[in-house]
Amino acid sequence: MLRLGRPLFWILAVGLVLAVLVTVRQLPPLVASHFDGGGTPNGWSSRPTYALLIIVVGALLPLGTIGLVNALTRKGPQLLNIPARDYWCRPEHGQEAVCLVRAYMWWLGCIMTLTALAIHWSVLGAHGSHPPRLSTGALVAVLGIVFLALGFWIAGWYRLLRPPRPTVPR
């Protein structure tokens, strides 16, 4: 399951780029790209700038985050603030920690990409009315799902990096 994060991220990132490129023409030349808490637009972008922003936030930012973790772990897990740090920073466990952290970061990238995709669909929906208005229900749903996904990711992080229980000899 851990190894599926990387290919899934690439599928989602390509899907995001394609979805944005296919649907961005449905938006007006001046896109309401930021909304206040009531769903009223309070920030605007040109269509190309909006599309670039969604792609950068949904594909390049996660890749940058994953790349940063890979760079920080090049010589081992010592530069990471991870659960059970004393255990994972021991020489005999360091490489395993690096592999686990690097693999798990792809799942965070998936969450980030899906968040950008959900935001894009919400913005498309907001432009279905005139003037544009972001649905409070859509905003609450997107934020709820993102926070739930991040909660599961964090719980998985702690579960993944807990030290193995010592085996009791019989």
C-alpha atoms as a PDB file:
ATOM      1  CA  MET A   1       0.000   0.000   0.000  1.00  0.00           C
ATOM      2  CA  LEU A   2       2.827   2.379   0.861  1.00  0.00           C
ATOM      3  CA  ARG A   3       4.359   2.027  -2.616  1.00  0.00           C
ATOM      4  CA  LEU A   4       1.120   2.982  -4.367  1.00  0.00           C
ATOM      5  CA  GLY A   5       1.484   6.641  -3.349  1.00  0.00           C
ATOM      6  CA  ARG A   6       4.002   7.500  -6.037  1.00  0.00           C
ATOM      7  CA  PRO A   7       2.106   6.159  -9.076  1.00  0.00           C
ATOM      8  CA  LEU A   8      -1.174   7.475  -7.680  1.00  0.00           C
ATOM      9  CA  PHE A   9       0.354  10.934  -7.279  1.00  0.00           C
ATOM     10  CA  TRP A  10       1.464  10.962 -10.922  1.00  0.00           C
ATOM     11  CA  ILE A  11      -1.972   9.846 -12.087  1.00  0.00           C
ATOM     12  CA  LEU A  12      -3.609  12.584 -10.009  1.00  0.00           C
ATOM     13  CA  ALA A  13      -1.111  15.259 -11.078  1.00  0.00           C
ATOM     14  CA  VAL A  14      -1.561  14.470 -14.770  1.00  0.00           C
ATOM     15  CA  GLY A  15      -5.323  14.333 -14.194  1.00  0.00           C
ATOM     16  CA  LEU A  16      -5.228  17.738 -12.521  1.00  0.00           C
ATOM     17  CA  VAL A  17      -3.271  19.305 -15.371  1.00  0.00           C
ATOM     18  CA  LEU A  18      -5.596  17.783 -17.964  1.00  0.00           C
ATOM     19  CA  ALA A  19      -8.727  18.787 -16.029  1.00  0.00           C
ATOM     20  CA  VAL A  20      -7.531  22.371 -15.711  1.00  0.00           C
ATOM     21  CA  LEU A  21      -6.517  22.593 -19.360  1.00  0.00           C
ATOM     22  CA  VAL A  22      -9.832  21.125 -20.542  1.00  0.00           C
ATOM     23  CA  THR A  23     -12.098  23.191 -18.262  1.00  0.00           C
ATOM     24  CA  VAL A  24     -10.314  26.529 -17.905  1.00  0.00           C
ATOM     25  CA  ARG A  25     -12.058  27.855 -21.036  1.00  0.00           C
ATOM     26  CA  GLN A  26     -15.370  27.525 -19.180  1.00  0.00           C
ATOM     27  CA  LEU A  27     -14.201  30.354 -16.927  1.00  0.00           C
ATOM     28  CA  PRO A  28     -14.464  34.026 -17.881  1.00  0.00           C
ATOM     29  CA  PRO A  29     -11.317  35.939 -18.908  1.00  0.00           C
ATOM     30  CA  LEU A  30     -11.224  37.459 -15.398  1.00  0.00           C
ATOM     31  CA  VAL A  31     -11.633  34.613 -12.902  1.00  0.00           C
ATOM     32  CA  ALA A  32     -12.889  35.077  -9.364  1.00  0.00           C
ATOM     33  CA  SER A  33     -10.033  33.190  -7.739  1.00  0.00           C
ATOM     34  CA  HIS A  34     -10.403  34.154  -4.082  1.00  0.00           C
ATOM     35  CA  PHE A  35     -13.551  34.290  -1.979  1.00  0.00           C
ATOM     36  CA  ASP A  36     -14.419  35.584   1.474  1.00  0.00           C
ATOM     37  CA  GLY A  37     -16.087  33.428   4.130  1.00  0.00           C
ATOM     38  CA  GLY A  38     -19.521  34.200   2.697  1.00  0.00           C
ATOM     39  CA  GLY A  39     -18.598  33.028  -0.794  1.00  0.00           C
ATOM     40  CA  THR A  40     -18.304  36.504  -2.305  1.00  0.00           C
ATOM     41  CA  PRO A  41     -15.334  37.003  -4.649  1.00  0.00           C
ATOM     42  CA  ASN A  42     -12.650  39.335  -3.318  1.00  0.00           C
ATOM     43  CA  GLY A  43      -9.732  38.420  -5.557  1.00  0.00           C
ATOM     44  CA  TRP A  44      -9.449  38.063  -9.323  1.00  0.00           C
ATOM     45  CA  SER A  45      -6.954  36.535 -11.747  1.00  0.00           C
ATOM     46  CA  SER A  46      -6.620  36.275 -15.467  1.00  0.00           C
ATOM     47  CA  ARG A  47      -7.590  32.869 -16.823  1.00  0.00           C
ATOM     48  CA  PRO A  48      -3.962  31.845 -17.636  1.00  0.00           C
ATOM     49  CA  THR A  49      -2.710  33.037 -14.237  1.00  0.00           C
ATOM     50  CA  TYR A  50      -5.472  31.115 -12.456  1.00  0.00           C
ATOM     51  CA  ALA A  51      -4.722  27.931 -14.425  1.00  0.00           C
ATOM     52  CA  LEU A  52      -1.004  28.255 -13.711  1.00  0.00           C
ATOM     53  CA  LEU A  53      -1.651  28.854 -10.012  1.00  0.00           C
ATOM     54  CA  ILE A  54      -3.840  25.741  -9.662  1.00  0.00           C
ATOM     55  CA  ILE A  55      -1.257  23.614 -11.489  1.00  0.00           C
ATOM     56  CA  VAL A  56       1.640  25.008  -9.439  1.00  0.00           C
ATOM     57  CA  VAL A  57      -0.190  24.493  -6.136  1.00  0.00           C
ATOM     58  CA  GLY A  58      -1.572  21.081  -7.096  1.00  0.00           C
ATOM     59  CA  ALA A  59       1.389  19.518  -8.902  1.00  0.00           C
ATOM     60  CA  LEU A  60       4.619  21.480  -8.480  1.00  0.00           C
ATOM     61  CA  LEU A  61       4.269  22.366  -4.781  1.00  0.00           C
ATOM     62  CA  PRO A  62       3.746  18.713  -3.789  1.00  0.00           C
ATOM     63  CA  LEU A  63       6.714  17.716  -5.962  1.00  0.00           C
ATOM     64  CA  GLY A  64       8.809  20.401  -4.283  1.00  0.00           C
ATOM     65  CA  THR A  65       7.792  19.115  -0.859  1.00  0.00           C
ATOM     66  CA  ILE A  66       8.653  15.536  -1.809  1.00  0.00           C
ATOM     67  CA  GLY A  67      11.952  16.711  -3.329  1.00  0.00           C
ATOM     68  CA  LEU A  68      12.828  18.636  -0.172  1.00  0.00           C
ATOM     69  CA  VAL A  69      12.263  15.560   1.985  1.00  0.00           C
ATOM     70  CA  ASN A  70      14.374  13.480  -0.411  1.00  0.00           C
ATOM     71  CA  ALA A  71      17.166  16.063  -0.195  1.00  0.00           C
ATOM     72  CA  LEU A  72      16.980  16.229   3.602  1.00  0.00           C
ATOM     73  CA  THR A  73      17.184  12.450   3.888  1.00  0.00           C
ATOM     74  CA  ARG A  74      20.079  11.999   1.473  1.00  0.00           C
ATOM     75  CA  LYS A  75      22.453  11.242   4.360  1.00  0.00           C
ATOM     76  CA  GLY A  76      19.875   9.658   6.664  1.00  0.00           C
ATOM     77  CA  PRO A  77      16.942  10.677   8.848  1.00  0.00           C
ATOM     78  CA  GLN A  78      18.906  12.967  11.187  1.00  0.00           C
ATOM     79  CA  LEU A  79      17.453  16.199   9.725  1.00  0.00           C
ATOM     80  CA  LEU A  80      13.861  15.028  10.135  1.00  0.00           C
ATOM     81  CA  ASN A  81      11.626  15.607  13.128  1.00  0.00           C
ATOM     82  CA  ILE A  82       9.921  12.215  13.206  1.00  0.00           C
ATOM     83  CA  PRO A  83       8.197  10.122  15.861  1.00  0.00           C
ATOM     84  CA  ALA A  84      10.484   7.737  17.769  1.00  0.00           C
ATOM     85  CA  ARG A  85      13.457   9.722  16.493  1.00  0.00           C
ATOM     86  CA  ASP A  86      15.929   8.002  18.820  1.00  0.00           C
ATOM     87  CA  TYR A  87      14.980   4.624  17.382  1.00  0.00           C
ATOM     88  CA  TRP A  88      14.957   5.650  13.701  1.00  0.00           C
ATOM     89  CA  CYS A  89      18.202   7.620  13.841  1.00  0.00           C
ATOM     90  CA  ARG A  90      20.200   4.601  14.986  1.00  0.00           C
ATOM     91  CA  PRO A  91      22.510   3.400  12.197  1.00  0.00           C
ATOM     92  CA  GLU A  92      20.764   0.039  11.915  1.00  0.00           C
ATOM     93  CA  HIS A  93      17.337   1.674  11.360  1.00  0.00           C
ATOM     94  CA  GLY A  94      18.222   4.864   9.478  1.00  0.00           C
ATOM     95  CA  GLN A  95      17.854   3.525   5.944  1.00  0.00           C
ATOM     96  CA  GLU A  96      14.495   1.954   6.730  1.00  0.00           C
ATOM     97  CA  ALA A  97      13.291   5.285   8.164  1.00  0.00           C
ATOM     98  CA  VAL A  98      14.385   7.115   5.026  1.00  0.00           C
ATOM     99  CA  CYS A  99      12.542   4.634   2.798  1.00  0.00           C
ATOM    100  CA  LEU A 100       9.373   4.841   4.892  1.00  0.00           C
ATOM    101  CA  VAL A 101       9.371   8.654   5.029  1.00  0.00           C
ATOM    102  CA  ARG A 102      10.084   9.054   1.322  1.00  0.00           C
ATOM    103  CA  ALA A 103       7.335   6.613   0.355  1.00  0.00           C
ATOM    104  CA  TYR A 104       4.792   8.163   2.708  1.00  0.00           C
ATOM    105  CA  MET A 105       5.423  11.694   1.438  1.00  0.00           C
ATOM    106  CA  TRP A 106       3.885  10.705  -1.912  1.00  0.00           C
ATOM    107  CA  TRP A 107       0.585  10.250  -0.087  1.00  0.00           C
ATOM    108  CA  LEU A 108       0.799  13.821   1.212  1.00  0.00           C
ATOM    109  CA  GLY A 109       1.396  14.869  -2.389  1.00  0.00           C
ATOM    110  CA  CYS A 110      -1.809  13.031  -3.364  1.00  0.00           C
ATOM    111  CA  ILE A 111      -3.765  14.957  -0.733  1.00  0.00           C
ATOM    112  CA  MET A 112      -2.315  18.259  -1.968  1.00  0.00           C
ATOM    113  CA  THR A 113      -3.155  17.449  -5.587  1.00  0.00           C
ATOM    114  CA  LEU A 114      -6.697  16.360  -4.765  1.00  0.00           C
ATOM    115  CA  THR A 115      -7.146  19.570  -2.763  1.00  0.00           C
ATOM    116  CA  ALA A 116      -6.170  21.670  -5.783  1.00  0.00           C
ATOM    117  CA  LEU A 117      -8.544  19.662  -7.960  1.00  0.00           C
ATOM    118  CA  ALA A 118     -11.408  20.161  -5.470  1.00  0.00           C
ATOM    119  CA  ILE A 119     -10.686  23.890  -5.339  1.00  0.00           C
ATOM    120  CA  HIS A 120     -10.725  24.070  -9.124  1.00  0.00           C
ATOM    121  CA  TRP A 121     -14.100  22.290  -9.310  1.00  0.00           C
ATOM    122  CA  SER A 122     -15.438  24.642  -6.629  1.00  0.00           C
ATOM    123  CA  VAL A 123     -14.273  27.687  -8.600  1.00  0.00           C
ATOM    124  CA  LEU A 124     -15.889  26.270 -11.734  1.00  0.00           C
ATOM    125  CA  GLY A 125     -19.107  25.830  -9.770  1.00  0.00           C
ATOM    126  CA  ALA A 126     -18.877  29.351  -8.370  1.00  0.00           C
ATOM    127  CA  HIS A 127     -18.767  30.704 -11.902  1.00  0.00           C
ATOM    128  CA  GLY A 128     -21.996  28.890 -12.725  1.00  0.00           C
ATOM    129  CA  SER A 129     -23.871  31.847 -11.235  1.00  0.00           C
ATOM    130  CA  HIS A 130     -23.697  35.524 -12.079  1.00  0.00           C
ATOM    131  CA  PRO A 131     -22.100  37.161 -10.207  1.00  0.00           C
ATOM    132  CA  PRO A 132     -19.808  34.297  -9.159  1.00  0.00           C
ATOM    133  CA  ARG A 133     -20.521  32.920  -5.699  1.00  0.00           C
ATOM    134  CA  LEU A 134     -18.753  30.092  -3.930  1.00  0.00           C
ATOM    135  CA  SER A 135     -21.200  27.721  -2.325  1.00  0.00           C
ATOM    136  CA  THR A 136     -20.809  27.579   1.448  1.00  0.00           C
ATOM    137  CA  GLY A 137     -21.655  23.881   1.274  1.00  0.00           C
ATOM    138  CA  ALA A 138     -18.916  23.289  -1.292  1.00  0.00           C
ATOM    139  CA  LEU A 139     -16.409  25.225   0.802  1.00  0.00           C
ATOM    140  CA  VAL A 140     -17.304  23.325   3.979  1.00  0.00           C
ATOM    141  CA  ALA A 141     -17.199  19.993   2.136  1.00  0.00           C
ATOM    142  CA  VAL A 142     -13.782  20.684   0.586  1.00  0.00           C
ATOM    143  CA  LEU A 143     -12.297  21.900   3.877  1.00  0.00           C
ATOM    144  CA  GLY A 144     -13.845  19.004   5.811  1.00  0.00           C
ATOM    145  CA  ILE A 145     -12.495  16.404   3.405  1.00  0.00           C
ATOM    146  CA  VAL A 146      -9.038  18.029   3.349  1.00  0.00           C
ATOM    147  CA  PHE A 147      -8.835  18.186   7.140  1.00  0.00           C
ATOM    148  CA  LEU A 148     -10.086  14.602   7.432  1.00  0.00           C
ATOM    149  CA  ALA A 149      -7.525  13.399   4.870  1.00  0.00           C
ATOM    150  CA  LEU A 150      -4.734  15.276   6.661  1.00  0.00           C
ATOM    151  CA  GLY A 151      -5.868  13.800   9.978  1.00  0.00           C
ATOM    152  CA  PHE A 152      -5.688  10.291   8.538  1.00  0.00           C
ATOM    153  CA  TRP A 153      -2.301  11.107   6.995  1.00  0.00           C
ATOM    154  CA  ILE A 154      -0.935  12.360  10.334  1.00  0.00           C
ATOM    155  CA  ALA A 155      -2.307   9.331  12.200  1.00  0.00           C
ATOM    156  CA  GLY A 156      -0.716   7.106   9.556  1.00  0.00           C
ATOM    157  CA  TRP A 157       2.578   8.988   9.937  1.00  0.00           C
ATOM    158  CA  TYR A 158       2.678   8.229  13.660  1.00  0.00           C
ATOM    159  CA  ARG A 159       1.581   4.650  13.109  1.00  0.00           C
ATOM    160  CA  LEU A 160       4.146   4.104  10.358  1.00  0.00           C
ATOM    161  CA  LEU A 161       7.018   5.530  12.369  1.00  0.00           C
ATOM    162  CA  ARG A 162       6.312   3.993  15.726  1.00  0.00           C
ATOM    163  CA  PRO A 163       9.122   1.657  16.684  1.00  0.00           C
ATOM    164  CA  PRO A 164       8.359  -2.026  16.327  1.00  0.00           C
ATOM    165  CA  ARG A 165       7.303  -3.716  19.532  1.00  0.00           C
ATOM    166  CA  PRO A 166      10.063  -5.792  21.027  1.00  0.00           C
ATOM    167  CA  THR A 167       9.604  -9.495  20.564  1.00  0.00           C
ATOM    168  CA  VAL A 168       9.387 -11.463  23.743  1.00  0.00           C
ATOM    169  CA  PRO A 169      11.431 -14.667  23.651  1.00  0.00           C
ATOM    170  CA  ARG A 170       9.505 -17.813  24.589  1.00  0.00           C
END
